[in-house]
Amino acid sequence: MRKLNDIKIITSSRIKERVAFFLLWIFSIFTAIILVLIVSDIIIKGAPHISLDFLLEEPRKMGKEGGVFSVIVSTIYIVVLSIIFAAPIGVAASVYLAEYAKESTMLNIIRFGTEALAGIPSIIYGLFGYSFFVFFLDLKYSILSGALTLTLMILPTIIKTSEEAIKAVPKSYREGSLALGATKLQTIRKIIIPDAIPGILTGLILGIGRVVGESAAVLYTAGSSLGIPDSIFRPGRTLSVHLYTLASEGISIENTYATAVILIALVFIINFSANTLINRIFIARRR
């Protein structure tokens, strides 16, 4: 009788597992189909309007005519600056939290605060950047103000993912390095960080994706000025802000979809390049 009950329990568990797997498969396929439909619709409507002139010309008449060259340049400026600011700060903070900080109430508060900051709407960051960087620090509407605001916005994501990647490094690596006479700092620099690089890069990819697609925070800090910024202290318009402006004001539907295609392509290129780099690092470490 007991064996029969055990068999029934095992059978019931397997049925539940198969049902759960089937539902996950269905939801995944449904999500993928929706994504393909949205992207396909944008590409079909926007791709015919993309040309070499569109990529290399300056926007004219608020974007109704011309191209998006200066918009692409401003986007690259903000992305590069944001990562330059956020990467070292985020990785250093994650190293401290994972390797140096002792478990305490204060540490739990810091981690809770980091997770809470990751969920704050971007408009709040935009308002903070507008009041602090633009006015209080007198940086005015500029690429620098936008990059600093976006740095604050992506730091929680980078810190969290990097901390988890560092914690995932086997404890035996640390013990072996210390046993051979290396200091803790040397162990972190030459053992832990290199092994955690794929996870750290994942956090940076997520941060870059959020920077590229952000509009509210950038609009309040970097402005919406057309033209190539001659320095980081000048305002500029990113692809996401340009897309928002074209769509909300109905300036040009054709250029709106074309800009959306370029934005999607830029995100795809960034993710593809980063994933390729991560795979190569994995292969190199296995060898």
C-alpha atoms as a PDB file:
ATOM      1  CA  MET A   1       0.000   0.000   0.000  1.00  0.00           C
ATOM      2  CA  ARG A   2       2.836   2.337   0.847  1.00  0.00           C
ATOM      3  CA  LYS A   3       4.582   1.580  -2.448  1.00  0.00           C
ATOM      4  CA  LEU A   4       1.346   2.288  -4.294  1.00  0.00           C
ATOM      5  CA  ASN A   5       1.036   5.686  -2.600  1.00  0.00           C
ATOM      6  CA  ASP A   6       4.673   6.474  -3.452  1.00  0.00           C
ATOM      7  CA  ILE A   7       4.012   5.603  -7.093  1.00  0.00           C
ATOM      8  CA  LYS A   8       0.939   7.846  -7.143  1.00  0.00           C
ATOM      9  CA  ILE A   9       2.916  10.740  -5.649  1.00  0.00           C
ATOM     10  CA  ILE A  10       5.731  10.310  -8.208  1.00  0.00           C
ATOM     11  CA  THR A  11       3.238  10.081 -11.074  1.00  0.00           C
ATOM     12  CA  SER A  12       1.396  13.198  -9.858  1.00  0.00           C
ATOM     13  CA  SER A  13       4.674  15.109  -9.578  1.00  0.00           C
ATOM     14  CA  ARG A  14       5.675  14.135 -13.108  1.00  0.00           C
ATOM     15  CA  ILE A  15       2.304  15.210 -14.484  1.00  0.00           C
ATOM     16  CA  LYS A  16       2.571  18.579 -12.729  1.00  0.00           C
ATOM     17  CA  GLU A  17       6.113  18.994 -14.025  1.00  0.00           C
ATOM     18  CA  ARG A  18       5.041  18.262 -17.601  1.00  0.00           C
ATOM     19  CA  VAL A  19       2.068  20.630 -17.352  1.00  0.00           C
ATOM     20  CA  ALA A  20       4.314  23.380 -15.977  1.00  0.00           C
ATOM     21  CA  PHE A  21       6.871  22.772 -18.729  1.00  0.00           C
ATOM     22  CA  PHE A  22       4.120  22.858 -21.381  1.00  0.00           C
ATOM     23  CA  LEU A  23       2.731  26.146 -20.024  1.00  0.00           C
ATOM     24  CA  LEU A  24       6.200  27.704 -19.931  1.00  0.00           C
ATOM     25  CA  TRP A  25       6.778  26.571 -23.514  1.00  0.00           C
ATOM     26  CA  ILE A  26       3.442  28.052 -24.628  1.00  0.00           C
ATOM     27  CA  PHE A  27       4.099  31.388 -22.881  1.00  0.00           C
ATOM     28  CA  SER A  28       7.617  31.552 -24.330  1.00  0.00           C
ATOM     29  CA  ILE A  29       6.366  30.912 -27.860  1.00  0.00           C
ATOM     30  CA  PHE A  30       3.577  33.476 -27.399  1.00  0.00           C
ATOM     31  CA  THR A  31       6.058  36.102 -26.163  1.00  0.00           C
ATOM     32  CA  ALA A  32       8.425  35.388 -29.042  1.00  0.00           C
ATOM     33  CA  ILE A  33       5.592  35.697 -31.585  1.00  0.00           C
ATOM     34  CA  ILE A  34       4.482  39.049 -30.153  1.00  0.00           C
ATOM     35  CA  LEU A  35       8.076  40.325 -30.234  1.00  0.00           C
ATOM     36  CA  VAL A  36       8.553  39.177 -33.837  1.00  0.00           C
ATOM     37  CA  LEU A  37       5.289  40.816 -34.914  1.00  0.00           C
ATOM     38  CA  ILE A  38       6.194  44.158 -33.301  1.00  0.00           C
ATOM     39  CA  VAL A  39       9.738  44.225 -34.677  1.00  0.00           C
ATOM     40  CA  SER A  40       8.595  43.048 -38.106  1.00  0.00           C
ATOM     41  CA  ASP A  41       5.946  45.764 -38.303  1.00  0.00           C
ATOM     42  CA  ILE A  42       8.522  48.446 -37.440  1.00  0.00           C
ATOM     43  CA  ILE A  43      11.075  47.099 -39.916  1.00  0.00           C
ATOM     44  CA  ILE A  44       8.534  46.782 -42.754  1.00  0.00           C
ATOM     45  CA  LYS A  45       7.363  50.370 -42.262  1.00  0.00           C
ATOM     46  CA  GLY A  46      10.775  51.904 -41.528  1.00  0.00           C
ATOM     47  CA  ALA A  47      13.376  50.040 -43.583  1.00  0.00           C
ATOM     48  CA  PRO A  48      12.268  51.461 -46.990  1.00  0.00           C
ATOM     49  CA  HIS A  49      12.974  54.987 -45.733  1.00  0.00           C
ATOM     50  CA  ILE A  50      16.542  54.242 -44.587  1.00  0.00           C
ATOM     51  CA  SER A  51      19.350  55.178 -46.922  1.00  0.00           C
ATOM     52  CA  LEU A  52      22.960  56.283 -46.740  1.00  0.00           C
ATOM     53  CA  ASP A  53      21.827  59.903 -46.956  1.00  0.00           C
ATOM     54  CA  PHE A  54      19.434  59.369 -44.056  1.00  0.00           C
ATOM     55  CA  LEU A  55      22.288  58.031 -41.922  1.00  0.00           C
ATOM     56  CA  LEU A  56      24.798  60.737 -42.855  1.00  0.00           C
ATOM     57  CA  GLU A  57      22.655  63.857 -43.147  1.00  0.00           C
ATOM     58  CA  GLU A  58      21.723  66.308 -40.393  1.00  0.00           C
ATOM     59  CA  PRO A  59      18.037  66.549 -39.359  1.00  0.00           C
ATOM     60  CA  ARG A  60      16.220  69.502 -40.902  1.00  0.00           C
ATOM     61  CA  LYS A  61      12.924  71.170 -40.040  1.00  0.00           C
ATOM     62  CA  MET A  62      12.871  69.502 -36.579  1.00  0.00           C
ATOM     63  CA  GLY A  63      13.423  66.082 -38.153  1.00  0.00           C
ATOM     64  CA  LYS A  64      10.791  66.271 -40.874  1.00  0.00           C
ATOM     65  CA  GLU A  65      13.545  66.217 -43.478  1.00  0.00           C
ATOM     66  CA  GLY A  66      17.159  65.122 -43.542  1.00  0.00           C
ATOM     67  CA  GLY A  67      18.707  62.301 -41.562  1.00  0.00           C
ATOM     68  CA  VAL A  68      19.815  61.318 -38.088  1.00  0.00           C
ATOM     69  CA  PHE A  69      23.605  61.638 -38.119  1.00  0.00           C
ATOM     70  CA  SER A  70      23.882  64.106 -35.239  1.00  0.00           C
ATOM     71  CA  VAL A  71      21.313  62.093 -33.277  1.00  0.00           C
ATOM     72  CA  ILE A  72      23.413  58.937 -33.604  1.00  0.00           C
ATOM     73  CA  VAL A  73      26.544  60.844 -32.529  1.00  0.00           C
ATOM     74  CA  SER A  74      24.791  62.257 -29.443  1.00  0.00           C
ATOM     75  CA  THR A  75      23.531  58.781 -28.540  1.00  0.00           C
ATOM     76  CA  ILE A  76      27.042  57.324 -28.772  1.00  0.00           C
ATOM     77  CA  TYR A  77      28.429  60.170 -26.646  1.00  0.00           C
ATOM     78  CA  ILE A  78      25.917  59.558 -23.858  1.00  0.00           C
ATOM     79  CA  VAL A  79      26.266  55.757 -23.946  1.00  0.00           C
ATOM     80  CA  VAL A  80      30.074  55.853 -23.809  1.00  0.00           C
ATOM     81  CA  LEU A  81      30.178  58.484 -21.048  1.00  0.00           C
ATOM     82  CA  SER A  82      27.572  56.656 -18.960  1.00  0.00           C
ATOM     83  CA  ILE A  83      29.490  53.378 -19.120  1.00  0.00           C
ATOM     84  CA  ILE A  84      32.810  55.109 -18.396  1.00  0.00           C
ATOM     85  CA  PHE A  85      31.282  56.574 -15.230  1.00  0.00           C
ATOM     86  CA  ALA A  86      29.128  53.614 -14.167  1.00  0.00           C
ATOM     87  CA  ALA A  87      31.377  50.615 -14.868  1.00  0.00           C
ATOM     88  CA  PRO A  88      34.246  51.302 -12.420  1.00  0.00           C
ATOM     89  CA  ILE A  89      31.911  52.593  -9.687  1.00  0.00           C
ATOM     90  CA  GLY A  90      29.495  49.675 -10.075  1.00  0.00           C
ATOM     91  CA  VAL A  91      32.185  46.985 -10.159  1.00  0.00           C
ATOM     92  CA  ALA A  92      34.060  48.526  -7.202  1.00  0.00           C
ATOM     93  CA  ALA A  93      30.842  48.676  -5.166  1.00  0.00           C
ATOM     94  CA  SER A  94      29.995  45.068  -6.015  1.00  0.00           C
ATOM     95  CA  VAL A  95      33.495  43.917  -5.013  1.00  0.00           C
ATOM     96  CA  TYR A  96      33.129  45.665  -1.664  1.00  0.00           C
ATOM     97  CA  LEU A  97      29.672  44.204  -1.025  1.00  0.00           C
ATOM     98  CA  ALA A  98      30.689  40.672  -2.036  1.00  0.00           C
ATOM     99  CA  GLU A  99      34.220  40.451  -0.636  1.00  0.00           C
ATOM    100  CA  TYR A 100      34.772  43.012   2.123  1.00  0.00           C
ATOM    101  CA  ALA A 101      31.473  43.971   3.718  1.00  0.00           C
ATOM    102  CA  LYS A 102      30.394  41.881   6.708  1.00  0.00           C
ATOM    103  CA  GLU A 103      26.806  40.761   7.094  1.00  0.00           C
ATOM    104  CA  SER A 104      25.003  43.366   9.150  1.00  0.00           C
ATOM    105  CA  THR A 105      21.821  45.400   9.307  1.00  0.00           C
ATOM    106  CA  MET A 106      23.513  48.258   7.455  1.00  0.00           C
ATOM    107  CA  LEU A 107      24.593  45.938   4.650  1.00  0.00           C
ATOM    108  CA  ASN A 108      21.039  44.638   4.295  1.00  0.00           C
ATOM    109  CA  ILE A 109      19.792  48.238   4.148  1.00  0.00           C
ATOM    110  CA  ILE A 110      22.326  49.050   1.410  1.00  0.00           C
ATOM    111  CA  ARG A 111      21.278  46.032  -0.641  1.00  0.00           C
ATOM    112  CA  PHE A 112      17.608  46.820  -0.170  1.00  0.00           C
ATOM    113  CA  GLY A 113      18.260  50.413  -1.228  1.00  0.00           C
ATOM    114  CA  THR A 114      20.127  49.246  -4.330  1.00  0.00           C
ATOM    115  CA  GLU A 115      17.250  46.994  -5.354  1.00  0.00           C
ATOM    116  CA  ALA A 116      14.727  49.757  -4.657  1.00  0.00           C
ATOM    117  CA  LEU A 117      16.667  52.250  -6.777  1.00  0.00           C
ATOM    118  CA  ALA A 118      16.600  49.812  -9.698  1.00  0.00           C
ATOM    119  CA  GLY A 119      12.803  49.985  -9.715  1.00  0.00           C
ATOM    120  CA  ILE A 120      12.396  53.767  -9.563  1.00  0.00           C
ATOM    121  CA  PRO A 121      10.760  55.209 -12.728  1.00  0.00           C
ATOM    122  CA  SER A 122      13.176  56.966 -15.052  1.00  0.00           C
ATOM    123  CA  ILE A 123      11.196  60.209 -14.870  1.00  0.00           C
ATOM    124  CA  ILE A 124      12.230  60.508 -11.200  1.00  0.00           C
ATOM    125  CA  TYR A 125      15.887  60.240 -12.183  1.00  0.00           C
ATOM    126  CA  GLY A 126      15.234  62.831 -14.861  1.00  0.00           C
ATOM    127  CA  LEU A 127      13.743  65.284 -12.379  1.00  0.00           C
ATOM    128  CA  PHE A 128      16.641  64.711  -9.978  1.00  0.00           C
ATOM    129  CA  GLY A 129      19.188  65.228 -12.747  1.00  0.00           C
ATOM    130  CA  TYR A 130      17.318  68.343 -13.871  1.00  0.00           C
ATOM    131  CA  SER A 131      17.412  69.921 -10.405  1.00  0.00           C
ATOM    132  CA  PHE A 132      20.863  68.698  -9.316  1.00  0.00           C
ATOM    133  CA  PHE A 133      23.107  68.494 -12.385  1.00  0.00           C
ATOM    134  CA  VAL A 134      21.435  71.050 -14.667  1.00  0.00           C
ATOM    135  CA  PHE A 135      20.739  73.755 -12.069  1.00  0.00           C
ATOM    136  CA  PHE A 136      22.547  73.096  -8.782  1.00  0.00           C
ATOM    137  CA  LEU A 137      25.883  72.135 -10.395  1.00  0.00           C
ATOM    138  CA  ASP A 138      25.165  74.539 -13.281  1.00  0.00           C
ATOM    139  CA  LEU A 139      26.039  71.974 -15.954  1.00  0.00           C
ATOM    140  CA  LYS A 140      22.981  73.166 -17.889  1.00  0.00           C
ATOM    141  CA  TYR A 141      21.383  70.978 -20.556  1.00  0.00           C
ATOM    142  CA  SER A 142      24.348  68.964 -21.746  1.00  0.00           C
ATOM    143  CA  ILE A 143      25.625  65.542 -22.723  1.00  0.00           C
ATOM    144  CA  LEU A 144      27.454  65.447 -19.378  1.00  0.00           C
ATOM    145  CA  SER A 145      24.272  66.105 -17.373  1.00  0.00           C
ATOM    146  CA  GLY A 146      22.473  63.359 -19.272  1.00  0.00           C
ATOM    147  CA  ALA A 147      25.352  60.891 -18.846  1.00  0.00           C
ATOM    148  CA  LEU A 148      25.632  61.527 -15.093  1.00  0.00           C
ATOM    149  CA  THR A 149      21.883  61.070 -14.646  1.00  0.00           C
ATOM    150  CA  LEU A 150      21.901  57.824 -16.632  1.00  0.00           C
ATOM    151  CA  THR A 151      24.915  56.674 -14.610  1.00  0.00           C
ATOM    152  CA  LEU A 152      22.843  56.913 -11.432  1.00  0.00           C
ATOM    153  CA  MET A 153      20.007  55.097 -13.163  1.00  0.00           C
ATOM    154  CA  ILE A 154      22.016  52.060 -14.326  1.00  0.00           C
ATOM    155  CA  LEU A 155      24.308  51.747 -11.292  1.00  0.00           C
ATOM    156  CA  PRO A 156      21.878  49.560  -9.267  1.00  0.00           C
ATOM    157  CA  THR A 157      21.611  47.051 -12.128  1.00  0.00           C
ATOM    158  CA  ILE A 158      25.369  46.887 -12.627  1.00  0.00           C
ATOM    159  CA  ILE A 159      26.041  46.558  -8.896  1.00  0.00           C
ATOM    160  CA  LYS A 160      23.491  43.772  -8.413  1.00  0.00           C
ATOM    161  CA  THR A 161      24.526  41.664 -11.425  1.00  0.00           C
ATOM    162  CA  SER A 162      28.237  42.145 -10.737  1.00  0.00           C
ATOM    163  CA  GLU A 163      27.822  41.195  -7.081  1.00  0.00           C
ATOM    164  CA  GLU A 164      26.008  37.999  -8.008  1.00  0.00           C
ATOM    165  CA  ALA A 165      28.694  37.177 -10.601  1.00  0.00           C
ATOM    166  CA  ILE A 166      31.450  37.655  -8.008  1.00  0.00           C
ATOM    167  CA  LYS A 167      29.598  35.521  -5.446  1.00  0.00           C
ATOM    168  CA  ALA A 168      29.264  32.768  -8.058  1.00  0.00           C
ATOM    169  CA  VAL A 169      33.060  32.343  -8.250  1.00  0.00           C
ATOM    170  CA  PRO A 170      33.871  29.072  -6.397  1.00  0.00           C
ATOM    171  CA  LYS A 171      35.191  29.521  -2.873  1.00  0.00           C
ATOM    172  CA  SER A 172      38.021  27.088  -3.655  1.00  0.00           C
ATOM    173  CA  TYR A 173      39.509  29.653  -6.077  1.00  0.00           C
ATOM    174  CA  ARG A 174      39.850  32.150  -3.247  1.00  0.00           C
ATOM    175  CA  GLU A 175      41.249  29.589  -0.818  1.00  0.00           C
ATOM    176  CA  GLY A 176      43.755  28.270  -3.363  1.00  0.00           C
ATOM    177  CA  SER A 177      45.008  31.741  -4.213  1.00  0.00           C
ATOM    178  CA  LEU A 178      45.381  32.753  -0.569  1.00  0.00           C
ATOM    179  CA  ALA A 179      47.103  29.458   0.234  1.00  0.00           C
ATOM    180  CA  LEU A 180      49.718  30.206  -2.423  1.00  0.00           C
ATOM    181  CA  GLY A 181      50.584  33.477  -0.676  1.00  0.00           C
ATOM    182  CA  ALA A 182      48.535  35.980  -2.694  1.00  0.00           C
ATOM    183  CA  THR A 183      46.954  38.869  -0.885  1.00  0.00           C
ATOM    184  CA  LYS A 184      43.209  39.394  -0.921  1.00  0.00           C
ATOM    185  CA  LEU A 185      43.537  42.290  -3.350  1.00  0.00           C
ATOM    186  CA  GLN A 186      45.684  40.203  -5.691  1.00  0.00           C
ATOM    187  CA  THR A 187      43.155  37.374  -5.485  1.00  0.00           C
ATOM    188  CA  ILE A 188      40.334  39.744  -6.404  1.00  0.00           C
ATOM    189  CA  ARG A 189      42.250  41.329  -9.281  1.00  0.00           C
ATOM    190  CA  LYS A 190      43.736  38.203 -10.860  1.00  0.00           C
ATOM    191  CA  ILE A 191      41.320  35.408  -9.898  1.00  0.00           C
ATOM    192  CA  ILE A 192      37.852  36.610  -8.948  1.00  0.00           C
ATOM    193  CA  ILE A 193      37.305  39.526 -11.356  1.00  0.00           C
ATOM    194  CA  PRO A 194      38.540  37.634 -14.465  1.00  0.00           C
ATOM    195  CA  ASP A 195      36.299  34.680 -13.621  1.00  0.00           C
ATOM    196  CA  ALA A 196      33.306  36.962 -13.014  1.00  0.00           C
ATOM    197  CA  ILE A 197      33.786  39.030 -16.183  1.00  0.00           C
ATOM    198  CA  PRO A 198      30.962  37.315 -18.152  1.00  0.00           C
ATOM    199  CA  GLY A 199      28.461  38.176 -15.419  1.00  0.00           C
ATOM    200  CA  ILE A 200      29.826  41.698 -15.080  1.00  0.00           C
ATOM    201  CA  LEU A 201      29.526  42.210 -18.837  1.00  0.00           C
ATOM    202  CA  THR A 202      25.924  41.031 -18.649  1.00  0.00           C
ATOM    203  CA  GLY A 203      25.183  43.829 -16.195  1.00  0.00           C
ATOM    204  CA  LEU A 204      26.911  46.340 -18.455  1.00  0.00           C
ATOM    205  CA  ILE A 205      24.848  45.121 -21.428  1.00  0.00           C
ATOM    206  CA  LEU A 206      21.649  45.630 -19.465  1.00  0.00           C
ATOM    207  CA  GLY A 207      22.848  49.098 -18.501  1.00  0.00           C
ATOM    208  CA  ILE A 208      23.709  50.022 -22.091  1.00  0.00           C
ATOM    209  CA  GLY A 209      20.329  48.792 -23.282  1.00  0.00           C
ATOM    210  CA  ARG A 210      18.576  51.001 -20.749  1.00  0.00           C
ATOM    211  CA  VAL A 211      20.706  54.022 -21.676  1.00  0.00           C
ATOM    212  CA  VAL A 212      20.049  53.607 -25.402  1.00  0.00           C
ATOM    213  CA  GLY A 213      16.296  53.287 -24.926  1.00  0.00           C
ATOM    214  CA  GLU A 214      15.861  56.012 -22.310  1.00  0.00           C
ATOM    215  CA  SER A 215      14.040  59.190 -23.264  1.00  0.00           C
ATOM    216  CA  ALA A 216      12.460  60.857 -20.187  1.00  0.00           C
ATOM    217  CA  ALA A 217      15.640  61.212 -18.136  1.00  0.00           C
ATOM    218  CA  VAL A 218      17.644  62.350 -21.164  1.00  0.00           C
ATOM    219  CA  LEU A 219      15.043  64.887 -22.254  1.00  0.00           C
ATOM    220  CA  TYR A 220      15.209  66.640 -18.851  1.00  0.00           C
ATOM    221  CA  THR A 221      19.012  66.696 -18.670  1.00  0.00           C
ATOM    222  CA  ALA A 222      20.646  66.485 -22.105  1.00  0.00           C
ATOM    223  CA  GLY A 223      17.937  68.472 -23.854  1.00  0.00           C
ATOM    224  CA  SER A 224      16.639  67.981 -27.355  1.00  0.00           C
ATOM    225  CA  SER A 225      18.943  70.146 -29.416  1.00  0.00           C
ATOM    226  CA  LEU A 226      19.646  69.073 -32.987  1.00  0.00           C
ATOM    227  CA  GLY A 227      23.161  69.289 -34.338  1.00  0.00           C
ATOM    228  CA  ILE A 228      26.396  67.551 -33.405  1.00  0.00           C
ATOM    229  CA  PRO A 229      27.526  68.593 -29.888  1.00  0.00           C
ATOM    230  CA  ASP A 230      31.070  69.968 -30.069  1.00  0.00           C
ATOM    231  CA  SER A 231      31.740  69.035 -26.441  1.00  0.00           C
ATOM    232  CA  ILE A 232      30.170  67.112 -23.576  1.00  0.00           C
ATOM    233  CA  PHE A 233      29.017  70.440 -22.115  1.00  0.00           C
ATOM    234  CA  ARG A 234      26.671  71.037 -25.039  1.00  0.00           C
ATOM    235  CA  PRO A 235      23.101  69.692 -25.350  1.00  0.00           C
ATOM    236  CA  GLY A 236      22.176  66.930 -27.752  1.00  0.00           C
ATOM    237  CA  ARG A 237      19.293  64.743 -28.886  1.00  0.00           C
ATOM    238  CA  THR A 238      19.512  60.952 -28.608  1.00  0.00           C
ATOM    239  CA  LEU A 239      17.758  58.437 -30.837  1.00  0.00           C
ATOM    240  CA  SER A 240      15.082  57.670 -28.253  1.00  0.00           C
ATOM    241  CA  VAL A 241      14.320  61.370 -27.680  1.00  0.00           C
ATOM    242  CA  HIS A 242      14.290  61.981 -31.440  1.00  0.00           C
ATOM    243  CA  LEU A 243      11.894  59.078 -31.891  1.00  0.00           C
ATOM    244  CA  TYR A 244       9.639  60.374 -29.122  1.00  0.00           C
ATOM    245  CA  THR A 245       9.622  63.894 -30.569  1.00  0.00           C
ATOM    246  CA  LEU A 246       8.812  62.726 -34.097  1.00  0.00           C
ATOM    247  CA  ALA A 247       6.017  60.431 -32.901  1.00  0.00           C
ATOM    248  CA  SER A 248       4.415  62.690 -30.284  1.00  0.00           C
ATOM    249  CA  GLU A 249       4.337  65.776 -32.485  1.00  0.00           C
ATOM    250  CA  GLY A 250       3.466  63.941 -35.688  1.00  0.00           C
ATOM    251  CA  ILE A 251       6.361  65.556 -37.564  1.00  0.00           C
ATOM    252  CA  SER A 252       7.083  62.649 -39.917  1.00  0.00           C
ATOM    253  CA  ILE A 253       5.718  59.117 -39.679  1.00  0.00           C
ATOM    254  CA  GLU A 254       8.253  57.846 -42.214  1.00  0.00           C
ATOM    255  CA  ASN A 255      11.226  59.226 -40.271  1.00  0.00           C
ATOM    256  CA  THR A 256       9.679  57.969 -37.025  1.00  0.00           C
ATOM    257  CA  TYR A 257       9.688  54.361 -38.200  1.00  0.00           C
ATOM    258  CA  ALA A 258      13.101  54.751 -39.825  1.00  0.00           C
ATOM    259  CA  THR A 259      14.535  56.061 -36.546  1.00  0.00           C
ATOM    260  CA  ALA A 260      12.921  53.162 -34.686  1.00  0.00           C
ATOM    261  CA  VAL A 261      14.617  50.683 -37.041  1.00  0.00           C
ATOM    262  CA  ILE A 262      17.996  52.313 -36.420  1.00  0.00           C
ATOM    263  CA  LEU A 263      17.403  52.198 -32.649  1.00  0.00           C
ATOM    264  CA  ILE A 264      16.537  48.490 -32.819  1.00  0.00           C
ATOM    265  CA  ALA A 265      19.586  47.830 -34.996  1.00  0.00           C
ATOM    266  CA  LEU A 266      21.855  49.678 -32.555  1.00  0.00           C
ATOM    267  CA  VAL A 267      20.559  47.655 -29.596  1.00  0.00           C
ATOM    268  CA  PHE A 268      20.955  44.424 -31.590  1.00  0.00           C
ATOM    269  CA  ILE A 269      24.534  45.275 -32.567  1.00  0.00           C
ATOM    270  CA  ILE A 270      25.461  46.091 -28.963  1.00  0.00           C
ATOM    271  CA  ASN A 271      23.921  42.874 -27.613  1.00  0.00           C
ATOM    272  CA  PHE A 272      25.369  40.699 -30.374  1.00  0.00           C
ATOM    273  CA  SER A 273      28.865  42.141 -29.906  1.00  0.00           C
ATOM    274  CA  ALA A 274      28.706  41.752 -26.126  1.00  0.00           C
ATOM    275  CA  ASN A 275      27.420  38.164 -26.309  1.00  0.00           C
ATOM    276  CA  THR A 276      30.156  37.294 -28.799  1.00  0.00           C
ATOM    277  CA  LEU A 277      32.747  38.756 -26.432  1.00  0.00           C
ATOM    278  CA  ILE A 278      31.306  36.821 -23.476  1.00  0.00           C
ATOM    279  CA  ASN A 279      31.378  33.534 -25.432  1.00  0.00           C
ATOM    280  CA  ARG A 280      34.983  34.113 -26.432  1.00  0.00           C
ATOM    281  CA  ILE A 281      35.929  34.773 -22.810  1.00  0.00           C
ATOM    282  CA  PHE A 282      34.226  31.509 -21.779  1.00  0.00           C
ATOM    283  CA  ILE A 283      36.072  29.585 -24.493  1.00  0.00           C
ATOM    284  CA  ALA A 284      39.405  31.185 -23.617  1.00  0.00           C
ATOM    285  CA  ARG A 285      38.992  30.343 -19.912  1.00  0.00           C
ATOM    286  CA  ARG A 286      38.086  26.717 -20.680  1.00  0.00           C
ATOM    287  CA  ARG A 287      41.303  26.340 -22.612  1.00  0.00           C
END
